[in-house]
């Protein structure tokens, strides 16, 4: 039971609400279990450059079933995943803001958020995951 459009809209709405609460416009993307984009929103005033980043964060989180902030820790020089960002034709993002979406303990998709600091992106993504 993967992510459907209604799920993605609910997840994005919750993330948008959190972004508005902290006063930071964001790009928010949700992908399905195959890493395919289901829905994306660019809030008014969110950076254009973060559109691509949010979509890639969602893909990355689903591709490796890990929060991108955790992947980032292991992808630094000397880490076990150093250089991973060069894989998958450049689709891998190692900035905080991508989180797998789970239903019944199984990963069914992911959310990717970009437009603020790493901490803000992750916080907004967490709000989205709570809506699933």
C-alpha atoms as a PDB file:
ATOM      1  CA  UNK A   1       0.000   0.000   0.000  1.00  0.00           C
ATOM      2  CA  UNK A   2       2.028   2.896  -1.322  1.00  0.00           C
ATOM      3  CA  UNK A   3       1.617   6.639  -1.310  1.00  0.00           C
ATOM      4  CA  UNK A   4      -1.411   7.876  -3.241  1.00  0.00           C
ATOM      5  CA  UNK A   5      -2.116  11.454  -4.292  1.00  0.00           C
ATOM      6  CA  UNK A   6      -4.490  12.002  -1.349  1.00  0.00           C
ATOM      7  CA  UNK A   7      -1.735  10.852   1.030  1.00  0.00           C
ATOM      8  CA  UNK A   8       0.782  13.167  -0.625  1.00  0.00           C
ATOM      9  CA  UNK A   9      -1.575  16.129  -0.391  1.00  0.00           C
ATOM     10  CA  UNK A  10      -2.185  15.495   3.319  1.00  0.00           C
ATOM     11  CA  UNK A  11       1.551  15.128   3.989  1.00  0.00           C
ATOM     12  CA  UNK A  12       2.350  18.303   2.075  1.00  0.00           C
ATOM     13  CA  UNK A  13      -0.415  20.259   3.844  1.00  0.00           C
ATOM     14  CA  UNK A  14       1.015  19.303   7.244  1.00  0.00           C
ATOM     15  CA  UNK A  15       4.526  20.231   6.144  1.00  0.00           C
ATOM     16  CA  UNK A  16       3.300  23.548   4.711  1.00  0.00           C
ATOM     17  CA  UNK A  17       1.590  24.341   7.998  1.00  0.00           C
ATOM     18  CA  UNK A  18       4.840  23.774   9.906  1.00  0.00           C
ATOM     19  CA  UNK A  19       6.834  25.841   7.402  1.00  0.00           C
ATOM     20  CA  UNK A  20       4.351  28.697   7.821  1.00  0.00           C
ATOM     21  CA  UNK A  21       4.594  28.400  11.623  1.00  0.00           C
ATOM     22  CA  UNK A  22       8.362  28.830  11.525  1.00  0.00           C
ATOM     23  CA  UNK A  23       8.118  31.543   8.868  1.00  0.00           C
ATOM     24  CA  UNK A  24      10.196  29.766   6.242  1.00  0.00           C
ATOM     25  CA  UNK A  25       8.770  29.133   2.749  1.00  0.00           C
ATOM     26  CA  UNK A  26       9.708  25.689   1.496  1.00  0.00           C
ATOM     27  CA  UNK A  27       9.630  23.353  -1.460  1.00  0.00           C
ATOM     28  CA  UNK A  28       8.012  20.087  -0.425  1.00  0.00           C
ATOM     29  CA  UNK A  29       8.062  16.884  -2.481  1.00  0.00           C
ATOM     30  CA  UNK A  30       6.543  13.465  -1.864  1.00  0.00           C
ATOM     31  CA  UNK A  31       7.517  10.336  -3.769  1.00  0.00           C
ATOM     32  CA  UNK A  32       6.083   6.832  -3.842  1.00  0.00           C
ATOM     33  CA  UNK A  33       7.695   3.497  -3.025  1.00  0.00           C
ATOM     34  CA  UNK A  34       9.508   3.521  -6.386  1.00  0.00           C
ATOM     35  CA  UNK A  35      11.011   6.962  -5.757  1.00  0.00           C
ATOM     36  CA  UNK A  36       8.678   8.527  -8.329  1.00  0.00           C
ATOM     37  CA  UNK A  37       7.343  12.014  -7.658  1.00  0.00           C
ATOM     38  CA  UNK A  38       3.693  12.003  -6.555  1.00  0.00           C
ATOM     39  CA  UNK A  39       3.313  15.671  -5.676  1.00  0.00           C
ATOM     40  CA  UNK A  40       5.330  18.835  -5.147  1.00  0.00           C
ATOM     41  CA  UNK A  41       4.537  22.280  -3.759  1.00  0.00           C
ATOM     42  CA  UNK A  42       6.613  25.431  -3.931  1.00  0.00           C
ATOM     43  CA  UNK A  43       5.372  27.799  -1.271  1.00  0.00           C
ATOM     44  CA  UNK A  44       5.225  31.480  -2.196  1.00  0.00           C
ATOM     45  CA  UNK A  45       8.688  32.935  -1.745  1.00  0.00           C
ATOM     46  CA  UNK A  46      10.521  29.588  -1.621  1.00  0.00           C
ATOM     47  CA  UNK A  47      13.805  29.437  -3.514  1.00  0.00           C
ATOM     48  CA  UNK A  48      13.618  28.266  -7.126  1.00  0.00           C
ATOM     49  CA  UNK A  49      16.844  26.320  -6.693  1.00  0.00           C
ATOM     50  CA  UNK A  50      15.260  24.258  -3.945  1.00  0.00           C
ATOM     51  CA  UNK A  51      12.625  22.733  -6.227  1.00  0.00           C
ATOM     52  CA  UNK A  52      15.117  20.223  -7.617  1.00  0.00           C
ATOM     53  CA  UNK A  53      16.739  19.697  -4.229  1.00  0.00           C
ATOM     54  CA  UNK A  54      13.451  18.818  -2.490  1.00  0.00           C
ATOM     55  CA  UNK A  55      12.572  16.282  -5.188  1.00  0.00           C
ATOM     56  CA  UNK A  56      16.033  14.729  -4.990  1.00  0.00           C
ATOM     57  CA  UNK A  57      15.890  14.582  -1.187  1.00  0.00           C
ATOM     58  CA  UNK A  58      12.657  12.586  -1.414  1.00  0.00           C
ATOM     59  CA  UNK A  59      14.214  10.251  -4.000  1.00  0.00           C
ATOM     60  CA  UNK A  60      17.389   9.808  -1.936  1.00  0.00           C
ATOM     61  CA  UNK A  61      15.509   9.049   1.233  1.00  0.00           C
ATOM     62  CA  UNK A  62      13.450   6.390  -0.530  1.00  0.00           C
ATOM     63  CA  UNK A  63      16.343   4.972  -2.537  1.00  0.00           C
ATOM     64  CA  UNK A  64      18.296   4.231   0.643  1.00  0.00           C
ATOM     65  CA  UNK A  65      15.441   4.163   3.202  1.00  0.00           C
ATOM     66  CA  UNK A  66      17.258   6.604   5.435  1.00  0.00           C
ATOM     67  CA  UNK A  67      16.821  10.207   6.495  1.00  0.00           C
ATOM     68  CA  UNK A  68      19.100  12.349   4.380  1.00  0.00           C
ATOM     69  CA  UNK A  69      20.580  14.001   7.475  1.00  0.00           C
ATOM     70  CA  UNK A  70      21.708  10.545   8.662  1.00  0.00           C
ATOM     71  CA  UNK A  71      23.090   9.678   5.235  1.00  0.00           C
ATOM     72  CA  UNK A  72      24.981  12.979   5.271  1.00  0.00           C
ATOM     73  CA  UNK A  73      26.809  11.967   8.448  1.00  0.00           C
ATOM     74  CA  UNK A  74      28.103   8.797   6.787  1.00  0.00           C
ATOM     75  CA  UNK A  75      28.962  10.406   3.457  1.00  0.00           C
ATOM     76  CA  UNK A  76      31.667  12.755   4.707  1.00  0.00           C
ATOM     77  CA  UNK A  77      35.312  12.172   3.853  1.00  0.00           C
ATOM     78  CA  UNK A  78      36.386   8.938   5.502  1.00  0.00           C
ATOM     79  CA  UNK A  79      32.800   7.779   6.034  1.00  0.00           C
ATOM     80  CA  UNK A  80      31.428   4.505   4.733  1.00  0.00           C
ATOM     81  CA  UNK A  81      29.291   6.259   2.093  1.00  0.00           C
ATOM     82  CA  UNK A  82      31.786   8.901   0.994  1.00  0.00           C
ATOM     83  CA  UNK A  83      31.113   9.775  -2.645  1.00  0.00           C
ATOM     84  CA  UNK A  84      27.543   8.438  -2.667  1.00  0.00           C
ATOM     85  CA  UNK A  85      26.291  11.831  -3.819  1.00  0.00           C
ATOM     86  CA  UNK A  86      27.936  11.162  -7.180  1.00  0.00           C
ATOM     87  CA  UNK A  87      25.829   8.046  -7.751  1.00  0.00           C
ATOM     88  CA  UNK A  88      22.458   7.689  -9.463  1.00  0.00           C
ATOM     89  CA  UNK A  89      23.258  10.289 -12.124  1.00  0.00           C
ATOM     90  CA  UNK A  90      23.503  13.072  -9.552  1.00  0.00           C
ATOM     91  CA  UNK A  91      20.079  12.421  -8.003  1.00  0.00           C
ATOM     92  CA  UNK A  92      21.487  11.877  -4.509  1.00  0.00           C
ATOM     93  CA  UNK A  93      21.185  14.736  -2.003  1.00  0.00           C
ATOM     94  CA  UNK A  94      23.044  14.526   1.272  1.00  0.00           C
ATOM     95  CA  UNK A  95      21.471  17.526   3.016  1.00  0.00           C
ATOM     96  CA  UNK A  96      18.955  17.204   5.847  1.00  0.00           C
ATOM     97  CA  UNK A  97      15.289  17.317   4.837  1.00  0.00           C
ATOM     98  CA  UNK A  98      14.508  13.910   3.341  1.00  0.00           C
ATOM     99  CA  UNK A  99      12.698  11.300   5.444  1.00  0.00           C
ATOM    100  CA  UNK A 100      11.261   7.888   4.505  1.00  0.00           C
ATOM    101  CA  UNK A 101       7.495   7.529   4.884  1.00  0.00           C
ATOM    102  CA  UNK A 102       6.475   4.355   6.686  1.00  0.00           C
ATOM    103  CA  UNK A 103       3.174   2.574   7.046  1.00  0.00           C
ATOM    104  CA  UNK A 104       3.058  -0.468   9.292  1.00  0.00           C
ATOM    105  CA  UNK A 105       6.833  -0.374   9.626  1.00  0.00           C
ATOM    106  CA  UNK A 106       7.318  -0.613   5.843  1.00  0.00           C
ATOM    107  CA  UNK A 107       8.749   2.207   3.731  1.00  0.00           C
ATOM    108  CA  UNK A 108       6.090   3.305   1.238  1.00  0.00           C
ATOM    109  CA  UNK A 109       7.624   6.548  -0.017  1.00  0.00           C
ATOM    110  CA  UNK A 110       9.475   9.617   1.196  1.00  0.00           C
ATOM    111  CA  UNK A 111       9.219  13.342   1.737  1.00  0.00           C
ATOM    112  CA  UNK A 112      11.839  15.878   0.707  1.00  0.00           C
ATOM    113  CA  UNK A 113      11.909  19.465   1.953  1.00  0.00           C
ATOM    114  CA  UNK A 114      14.243  22.276   0.966  1.00  0.00           C
ATOM    115  CA  UNK A 115      14.348  26.016   1.470  1.00  0.00           C
ATOM    116  CA  UNK A 116      15.677  26.679   4.953  1.00  0.00           C
ATOM    117  CA  UNK A 117      18.511  25.491   7.149  1.00  0.00           C
ATOM    118  CA  UNK A 118      19.053  21.757   7.440  1.00  0.00           C
ATOM    119  CA  UNK A 119      17.377  21.788  10.837  1.00  0.00           C
ATOM    120  CA  UNK A 120      14.363  23.658   9.455  1.00  0.00           C
ATOM    121  CA  UNK A 121      14.084  21.351   6.463  1.00  0.00           C
ATOM    122  CA  UNK A 122      14.155  18.271   8.689  1.00  0.00           C
ATOM    123  CA  UNK A 123      11.632  19.758  11.127  1.00  0.00           C
ATOM    124  CA  UNK A 124       9.185  20.503   8.311  1.00  0.00           C
ATOM    125  CA  UNK A 125       9.712  17.035   6.810  1.00  0.00           C
ATOM    126  CA  UNK A 126       8.975  15.455  10.203  1.00  0.00           C
ATOM    127  CA  UNK A 127       5.684  17.351  10.356  1.00  0.00           C
ATOM    128  CA  UNK A 128       4.809  15.849   6.997  1.00  0.00           C
ATOM    129  CA  UNK A 129       5.653  12.312   8.085  1.00  0.00           C
ATOM    130  CA  UNK A 130       3.392  12.711  11.103  1.00  0.00           C
ATOM    131  CA  UNK A 131       0.441  13.269   8.762  1.00  0.00           C
ATOM    132  CA  UNK A 132       0.761   9.828   7.155  1.00  0.00           C
END
